[in-house]
Amino acid sequence: MLQVRGVAATRGTSRLFQALNFEVQPGHLLWLRGPNGCGKTTLLRMLAGLVLPEAGEVCWDGVPIREAATFREDLVYLGHSNGLKDDLTAMESLEFLCRIHGRAFNRSTVDAALRRLGVFHRRKLPVRTLSQGQRKRVALARLALESRPGLWVLDEPFDALDDTGIATVNELLGEHLLRGGSVMLTSHIPVHIAHAPVKVLMLNKVVQA
């Protein structure tokens, strides 16, 4: 379970949020909403351990994430940057992501993930030649390789996707929740997951310090 206790963050002289408390339980999805500039991406980066809170604590199963032994193994973080290397092919990029995050893979599982996201036919093309939507699909194919019931932190996972891509990602989210995983994401479009609870956390507008 992800637990956020009294966290705060500031950008420049502006307070983004303060005294923020919430949790994401196994099998639940929390949809983070709010206007541009309110700190949604900052909060997600904080949950992934990339940004330290100015106050408060982020915990995994009651242990601060910097001390939780399994947190890095349980976490999948996908930010605005897809984390793909332009000179690698789509297939090589996905394999690279698996390696750096310590995920087991083989050629058949990678092929199946790319096929599920609809970019198998682009697997041998350099990432730099792919459209934005295709790059997004390659990055999201990592979700199709996951089997741990851990935490997914996703920043606008539906961006640049068509209706088919959105439906596929919703299917992956639903499968992850059914196996006891948890999800925290931002999205400008409504989130619909069949047979799974979706809760909303609304961040306030930027407050001047």
C-alpha atoms as a PDB file:
ATOM      1  CA  MET A   1       0.000   0.000   0.000  1.00  0.00           C
ATOM      2  CA  LEU A   2       1.185   3.499  -0.863  1.00  0.00           C
ATOM      3  CA  GLN A   3       0.776   6.015   1.960  1.00  0.00           C
ATOM      4  CA  VAL A   4       1.330   9.767   1.668  1.00  0.00           C
ATOM      5  CA  ARG A   5       1.479  11.648   4.941  1.00  0.00           C
ATOM      6  CA  GLY A   6       1.507  15.431   5.152  1.00  0.00           C
ATOM      7  CA  VAL A   7       3.635  16.045   2.061  1.00  0.00           C
ATOM      8  CA  ALA A   8       4.349  19.516   0.704  1.00  0.00           C
ATOM      9  CA  ALA A   9       6.101  20.938  -2.353  1.00  0.00           C
ATOM     10  CA  THR A  10       7.067  24.381  -3.644  1.00  0.00           C
ATOM     11  CA  ARG A  11       8.073  25.570  -7.102  1.00  0.00           C
ATOM     12  CA  GLY A  12      10.053  28.797  -6.967  1.00  0.00           C
ATOM     13  CA  THR A  13       8.059  31.062  -4.644  1.00  0.00           C
ATOM     14  CA  SER A  14       4.766  29.231  -5.210  1.00  0.00           C
ATOM     15  CA  ARG A  15       3.425  26.602  -2.865  1.00  0.00           C
ATOM     16  CA  LEU A  16       2.105  23.744  -4.981  1.00  0.00           C
ATOM     17  CA  PHE A  17       0.498  21.732  -2.204  1.00  0.00           C
ATOM     18  CA  GLN A  18       0.869  21.147   1.497  1.00  0.00           C
ATOM     19  CA  ALA A  19      -0.332  18.787   4.231  1.00  0.00           C
ATOM     20  CA  LEU A  20      -1.413  16.307   1.554  1.00  0.00           C
ATOM     21  CA  ASN A  21      -2.609  12.969   2.906  1.00  0.00           C
ATOM     22  CA  PHE A  22      -3.892   9.962   0.980  1.00  0.00           C
ATOM     23  CA  GLU A  23      -3.278   6.294   0.331  1.00  0.00           C
ATOM     24  CA  VAL A  24      -3.612   3.923  -2.602  1.00  0.00           C
ATOM     25  CA  GLN A  25      -4.670   0.462  -1.543  1.00  0.00           C
ATOM     26  CA  PRO A  26      -4.040  -2.791  -3.424  1.00  0.00           C
ATOM     27  CA  GLY A  27      -6.524  -3.209  -6.255  1.00  0.00           C
ATOM     28  CA  HIS A  28      -7.328   0.514  -6.371  1.00  0.00           C
ATOM     29  CA  LEU A  29      -6.638   3.272  -8.883  1.00  0.00           C
ATOM     30  CA  LEU A  30      -6.269   6.905  -7.824  1.00  0.00           C
ATOM     31  CA  TRP A  31      -6.830   9.456 -10.584  1.00  0.00           C
ATOM     32  CA  LEU A  32      -4.916  12.665  -9.856  1.00  0.00           C
ATOM     33  CA  ARG A  33      -6.656  15.718 -11.278  1.00  0.00           C
ATOM     34  CA  GLY A  34      -6.161  19.471 -11.197  1.00  0.00           C
ATOM     35  CA  PRO A  35      -5.399  22.509 -13.343  1.00  0.00           C
ATOM     36  CA  ASN A  36      -2.088  22.990 -15.142  1.00  0.00           C
ATOM     37  CA  GLY A  37       0.667  24.074 -12.793  1.00  0.00           C
ATOM     38  CA  CYS A  38      -0.873  22.667  -9.627  1.00  0.00           C
ATOM     39  CA  GLY A  39       1.919  20.129  -9.095  1.00  0.00           C
ATOM     40  CA  LYS A  40       0.552  16.866 -10.499  1.00  0.00           C
ATOM     41  CA  THR A  41       3.810  15.836 -12.182  1.00  0.00           C
ATOM     42  CA  THR A  42       5.810  16.954  -9.149  1.00  0.00           C
ATOM     43  CA  LEU A  43       3.656  14.768  -6.914  1.00  0.00           C
ATOM     44  CA  LEU A  44       4.041  11.747  -9.179  1.00  0.00           C
ATOM     45  CA  ARG A  45       7.820  12.205  -9.266  1.00  0.00           C
ATOM     46  CA  MET A  46       7.725  12.408  -5.482  1.00  0.00           C
ATOM     47  CA  LEU A  47       5.832   9.128  -5.276  1.00  0.00           C
ATOM     48  CA  ALA A  48       8.466   7.540  -7.517  1.00  0.00           C
ATOM     49  CA  GLY A  49      11.254   8.769  -5.242  1.00  0.00           C
ATOM     50  CA  LEU A  50      12.664  11.191  -7.820  1.00  0.00           C
ATOM     51  CA  VAL A  51      11.754  14.310  -5.817  1.00  0.00           C
ATOM     52  CA  LEU A  52      11.954  14.662  -2.054  1.00  0.00           C
ATOM     53  CA  PRO A  53       8.988  16.236  -0.238  1.00  0.00           C
ATOM     54  CA  GLU A  54       9.690  19.457   1.620  1.00  0.00           C
ATOM     55  CA  ALA A  55       7.620  18.066   4.468  1.00  0.00           C
ATOM     56  CA  GLY A  56       5.919  14.794   5.234  1.00  0.00           C
ATOM     57  CA  GLU A  57       6.689  11.283   4.066  1.00  0.00           C
ATOM     58  CA  VAL A  58       5.888   8.850   1.274  1.00  0.00           C
ATOM     59  CA  CYS A  59       5.688   5.243   2.493  1.00  0.00           C
ATOM     60  CA  TRP A  60       5.332   1.801   0.972  1.00  0.00           C
ATOM     61  CA  ASP A  61       3.627  -0.661   3.313  1.00  0.00           C
ATOM     62  CA  GLY A  62       4.318   1.684   6.213  1.00  0.00           C
ATOM     63  CA  VAL A  63       8.039   2.103   5.466  1.00  0.00           C
ATOM     64  CA  PRO A  64       9.505   5.304   3.943  1.00  0.00           C
ATOM     65  CA  ILE A  65      10.174   4.540   0.271  1.00  0.00           C
ATOM     66  CA  ARG A  66      13.879   5.324   0.600  1.00  0.00           C
ATOM     67  CA  GLU A  67      14.097   2.505   3.166  1.00  0.00           C
ATOM     68  CA  ALA A  68      11.543   0.042   1.754  1.00  0.00           C
ATOM     69  CA  ALA A  69      13.527  -2.946   0.530  1.00  0.00           C
ATOM     70  CA  THR A  70      11.165  -3.941  -2.287  1.00  0.00           C
ATOM     71  CA  PHE A  71       9.917  -0.519  -3.399  1.00  0.00           C
ATOM     72  CA  ARG A  72      12.125  -0.235  -6.482  1.00  0.00           C
ATOM     73  CA  GLU A  73      11.137  -3.724  -7.571  1.00  0.00           C
ATOM     74  CA  ASP A  74       7.441  -3.012  -6.993  1.00  0.00           C
ATOM     75  CA  LEU A  75       7.440   0.366  -8.780  1.00  0.00           C
ATOM     76  CA  VAL A  76       6.743   1.114 -12.430  1.00  0.00           C
ATOM     77  CA  TYR A  77       7.075   4.817 -13.266  1.00  0.00           C
ATOM     78  CA  LEU A  78       6.289   6.227 -16.704  1.00  0.00           C
ATOM     79  CA  GLY A  79       6.679   9.983 -17.000  1.00  0.00           C
ATOM     80  CA  HIS A  80       6.137  12.490 -19.795  1.00  0.00           C
ATOM     81  CA  SER A  81       9.440  11.401 -21.307  1.00  0.00           C
ATOM     82  CA  ASN A  82       8.951   7.921 -22.691  1.00  0.00           C
ATOM     83  CA  GLY A  83      12.454   6.857 -21.696  1.00  0.00           C
ATOM     84  CA  LEU A  84      13.229   5.592 -25.196  1.00  0.00           C
ATOM     85  CA  LYS A  85      16.517   6.034 -27.031  1.00  0.00           C
ATOM     86  CA  ASP A  86      16.176   7.430 -30.552  1.00  0.00           C
ATOM     87  CA  ASP A  87      18.945   5.302 -32.073  1.00  0.00           C
ATOM     88  CA  LEU A  88      17.578   1.999 -30.771  1.00  0.00           C
ATOM     89  CA  THR A  89      14.817   0.099 -32.489  1.00  0.00           C
ATOM     90  CA  ALA A  90      11.436  -0.209 -30.787  1.00  0.00           C
ATOM     91  CA  MET A  91      12.289  -3.774 -29.772  1.00  0.00           C
ATOM     92  CA  GLU A  92      15.735  -2.828 -28.462  1.00  0.00           C
ATOM     93  CA  SER A  93      14.259   0.096 -26.520  1.00  0.00           C
ATOM     94  CA  LEU A  94      11.763  -2.099 -24.720  1.00  0.00           C
ATOM     95  CA  GLU A  95      14.470  -4.645 -23.927  1.00  0.00           C
ATOM     96  CA  PHE A  96      16.657  -1.805 -22.609  1.00  0.00           C
ATOM     97  CA  LEU A  97      13.853  -0.630 -20.292  1.00  0.00           C
ATOM     98  CA  CYS A  98      13.475  -4.156 -18.961  1.00  0.00           C
ATOM     99  CA  ARG A  99      17.193  -4.464 -18.282  1.00  0.00           C
ATOM    100  CA  ILE A 100      17.620  -1.195 -16.403  1.00  0.00           C
ATOM    101  CA  HIS A 101      14.577  -1.965 -14.249  1.00  0.00           C
ATOM    102  CA  GLY A 102      15.608  -5.527 -13.546  1.00  0.00           C
ATOM    103  CA  ARG A 103      12.698  -7.191 -15.337  1.00  0.00           C
ATOM    104  CA  ALA A 104      13.027 -10.665 -16.848  1.00  0.00           C
ATOM    105  CA  PHE A 105      12.216 -10.896 -20.539  1.00  0.00           C
ATOM    106  CA  ASN A 106      12.816 -12.900 -23.664  1.00  0.00           C
ATOM    107  CA  ARG A 107      12.181 -12.320 -27.338  1.00  0.00           C
ATOM    108  CA  SER A 108       8.746 -13.945 -27.299  1.00  0.00           C
ATOM    109  CA  THR A 109       7.486 -11.902 -24.342  1.00  0.00           C
ATOM    110  CA  VAL A 110       8.812  -8.667 -25.855  1.00  0.00           C
ATOM    111  CA  ASP A 111       7.199  -9.502 -29.191  1.00  0.00           C
ATOM    112  CA  ALA A 112       3.900 -10.263 -27.454  1.00  0.00           C
ATOM    113  CA  ALA A 113       3.988  -6.960 -25.555  1.00  0.00           C
ATOM    114  CA  LEU A 114       4.681  -4.948 -28.704  1.00  0.00           C
ATOM    115  CA  ARG A 115       1.964  -6.857 -30.537  1.00  0.00           C
ATOM    116  CA  ARG A 116      -0.550  -6.119 -27.796  1.00  0.00           C
ATOM    117  CA  LEU A 117       0.194  -2.406 -28.008  1.00  0.00           C
ATOM    118  CA  GLY A 118      -0.113  -2.504 -31.793  1.00  0.00           C
ATOM    119  CA  VAL A 119       3.507  -1.690 -32.692  1.00  0.00           C
ATOM    120  CA  PHE A 120       4.915  -5.143 -33.445  1.00  0.00           C
ATOM    121  CA  HIS A 121       5.119  -4.224 -37.136  1.00  0.00           C
ATOM    122  CA  ARG A 122       7.388  -1.299 -36.148  1.00  0.00           C
ATOM    123  CA  ARG A 123       9.652  -3.331 -33.873  1.00  0.00           C
ATOM    124  CA  LYS A 124      12.755  -3.101 -36.107  1.00  0.00           C
ATOM    125  CA  LEU A 125      12.474   0.622 -36.838  1.00  0.00           C
ATOM    126  CA  PRO A 126      14.576   3.215 -34.971  1.00  0.00           C
ATOM    127  CA  VAL A 127      12.571   5.072 -32.350  1.00  0.00           C
ATOM    128  CA  ARG A 128      13.373   8.392 -34.013  1.00  0.00           C
ATOM    129  CA  THR A 129      11.307   7.325 -37.051  1.00  0.00           C
ATOM    130  CA  LEU A 130       8.181   6.546 -35.022  1.00  0.00           C
ATOM    131  CA  SER A 131       5.236   8.878 -34.513  1.00  0.00           C
ATOM    132  CA  GLN A 132       4.482  10.230 -31.042  1.00  0.00           C
ATOM    133  CA  GLY A 133       1.656   7.751 -30.658  1.00  0.00           C
ATOM    134  CA  GLN A 134       3.872   4.846 -31.667  1.00  0.00           C
ATOM    135  CA  ARG A 135       6.585   5.910 -29.248  1.00  0.00           C
ATOM    136  CA  LYS A 136       4.002   6.071 -26.496  1.00  0.00           C
ATOM    137  CA  ARG A 137       2.827   2.583 -27.346  1.00  0.00           C
ATOM    138  CA  VAL A 138       6.382   1.211 -27.202  1.00  0.00           C
ATOM    139  CA  ALA A 139       6.889   2.740 -23.742  1.00  0.00           C
ATOM    140  CA  LEU A 140       3.517   1.448 -22.559  1.00  0.00           C
ATOM    141  CA  ALA A 141       4.384  -2.042 -23.800  1.00  0.00           C
ATOM    142  CA  ARG A 142       6.437  -2.316 -20.635  1.00  0.00           C
ATOM    143  CA  LEU A 143       3.154  -2.574 -18.722  1.00  0.00           C
ATOM    144  CA  ALA A 144       2.249  -5.663 -20.720  1.00  0.00           C
ATOM    145  CA  LEU A 145       5.429  -7.330 -19.403  1.00  0.00           C
ATOM    146  CA  GLU A 146       4.613  -6.705 -15.745  1.00  0.00           C
ATOM    147  CA  SER A 147       3.290  -9.438 -13.472  1.00  0.00           C
ATOM    148  CA  ARG A 148       4.061  -8.069 -10.015  1.00  0.00           C
ATOM    149  CA  PRO A 149       1.135  -6.643  -8.002  1.00  0.00           C
ATOM    150  CA  GLY A 150       3.103  -3.472  -7.340  1.00  0.00           C
ATOM    151  CA  LEU A 151       2.589   0.260  -7.833  1.00  0.00           C
ATOM    152  CA  TRP A 152       2.224   1.907 -11.232  1.00  0.00           C
ATOM    153  CA  VAL A 153       2.809   5.680 -11.312  1.00  0.00           C
ATOM    154  CA  LEU A 154       1.798   6.967 -14.740  1.00  0.00           C
ATOM    155  CA  ASP A 155       1.924  10.565 -15.981  1.00  0.00           C
ATOM    156  CA  GLU A 156      -0.657  11.039 -18.786  1.00  0.00           C
ATOM    157  CA  PRO A 157      -0.500   7.456 -20.104  1.00  0.00           C
ATOM    158  CA  PHE A 158      -3.262   8.139 -22.656  1.00  0.00           C
ATOM    159  CA  ASP A 159      -1.516  11.071 -24.358  1.00  0.00           C
ATOM    160  CA  ALA A 160      -1.078  10.679 -28.159  1.00  0.00           C
ATOM    161  CA  LEU A 161      -3.139   7.462 -28.207  1.00  0.00           C
ATOM    162  CA  ASP A 162      -6.152   6.767 -30.385  1.00  0.00           C
ATOM    163  CA  ASP A 163      -9.291   5.046 -29.096  1.00  0.00           C
ATOM    164  CA  THR A 164      -7.825   1.583 -29.649  1.00  0.00           C
ATOM    165  CA  GLY A 165      -4.672   2.444 -27.730  1.00  0.00           C
ATOM    166  CA  ILE A 166      -6.682   3.937 -24.862  1.00  0.00           C
ATOM    167  CA  ALA A 167      -8.799   0.792 -24.658  1.00  0.00           C
ATOM    168  CA  THR A 168      -5.685  -1.399 -24.538  1.00  0.00           C
ATOM    169  CA  VAL A 169      -4.151   0.633 -21.717  1.00  0.00           C
ATOM    170  CA  ASN A 170      -7.426   0.481 -19.778  1.00  0.00           C
ATOM    171  CA  GLU A 171      -7.359  -3.313 -20.181  1.00  0.00           C
ATOM    172  CA  LEU A 172      -3.803  -3.455 -18.822  1.00  0.00           C
ATOM    173  CA  LEU A 173      -4.780  -1.260 -15.883  1.00  0.00           C
ATOM    174  CA  GLY A 174      -7.740  -3.476 -15.110  1.00  0.00           C
ATOM    175  CA  GLU A 175      -5.621  -6.630 -15.204  1.00  0.00           C
ATOM    176  CA  HIS A 176      -3.059  -5.046 -12.892  1.00  0.00           C
ATOM    177  CA  LEU A 177      -5.728  -4.056 -10.376  1.00  0.00           C
ATOM    178  CA  LEU A 178      -7.252  -7.550 -10.450  1.00  0.00           C
ATOM    179  CA  ARG A 179      -3.922  -9.088  -9.435  1.00  0.00           C
ATOM    180  CA  GLY A 180      -3.757  -6.743  -6.448  1.00  0.00           C
ATOM    181  CA  GLY A 181      -1.661  -3.981  -7.985  1.00  0.00           C
ATOM    182  CA  SER A 182      -2.280  -0.295  -7.406  1.00  0.00           C
ATOM    183  CA  VAL A 183      -2.183   2.666  -9.793  1.00  0.00           C
ATOM    184  CA  MET A 184      -1.703   6.414  -9.447  1.00  0.00           C
ATOM    185  CA  LEU A 185      -2.088   8.371 -12.668  1.00  0.00           C
ATOM    186  CA  THR A 186      -2.876  11.717 -14.240  1.00  0.00           C
ATOM    187  CA  SER A 187      -5.148  11.995 -17.246  1.00  0.00           C
ATOM    188  CA  HIS A 188      -7.016  14.707 -19.119  1.00  0.00           C
ATOM    189  CA  ILE A 189      -9.597  12.188 -20.282  1.00  0.00           C
ATOM    190  CA  PRO A 190     -11.980  10.169 -18.089  1.00  0.00           C
ATOM    191  CA  VAL A 191     -10.610   6.929 -16.694  1.00  0.00           C
ATOM    192  CA  HIS A 192     -12.895   3.909 -17.069  1.00  0.00           C
ATOM    193  CA  ILE A 193     -11.758   0.578 -15.642  1.00  0.00           C
ATOM    194  CA  ALA A 194     -14.279  -2.257 -15.699  1.00  0.00           C
ATOM    195  CA  HIS A 195     -15.006  -3.853 -12.310  1.00  0.00           C
ATOM    196  CA  ALA A 196     -12.331  -1.830 -10.480  1.00  0.00           C
ATOM    197  CA  PRO A 197     -12.621   1.098  -8.074  1.00  0.00           C
ATOM    198  CA  VAL A 198     -11.385   4.447  -9.404  1.00  0.00           C
ATOM    199  CA  LYS A 199     -10.992   7.249  -6.879  1.00  0.00           C
ATOM    200  CA  VAL A 200     -10.199  10.896  -7.622  1.00  0.00           C
ATOM    201  CA  LEU A 201      -7.707  13.156  -5.863  1.00  0.00           C
ATOM    202  CA  MET A 202      -8.132  16.804  -6.855  1.00  0.00           C
ATOM    203  CA  LEU A 203      -5.159  19.093  -6.320  1.00  0.00           C
ATOM    204  CA  ASN A 204      -5.976  22.730  -5.615  1.00  0.00           C
ATOM    205  CA  LYS A 205      -4.823  25.584  -7.757  1.00  0.00           C
ATOM    206  CA  VAL A 206      -1.376  27.006  -7.165  1.00  0.00           C
ATOM    207  CA  VAL A 207      -1.220  28.970  -3.927  1.00  0.00           C
ATOM    208  CA  GLN A 208       1.263  31.841  -3.764  1.00  0.00           C
ATOM    209  CA  ALA A 209       3.620  31.537  -0.794  1.00  0.00           C
END
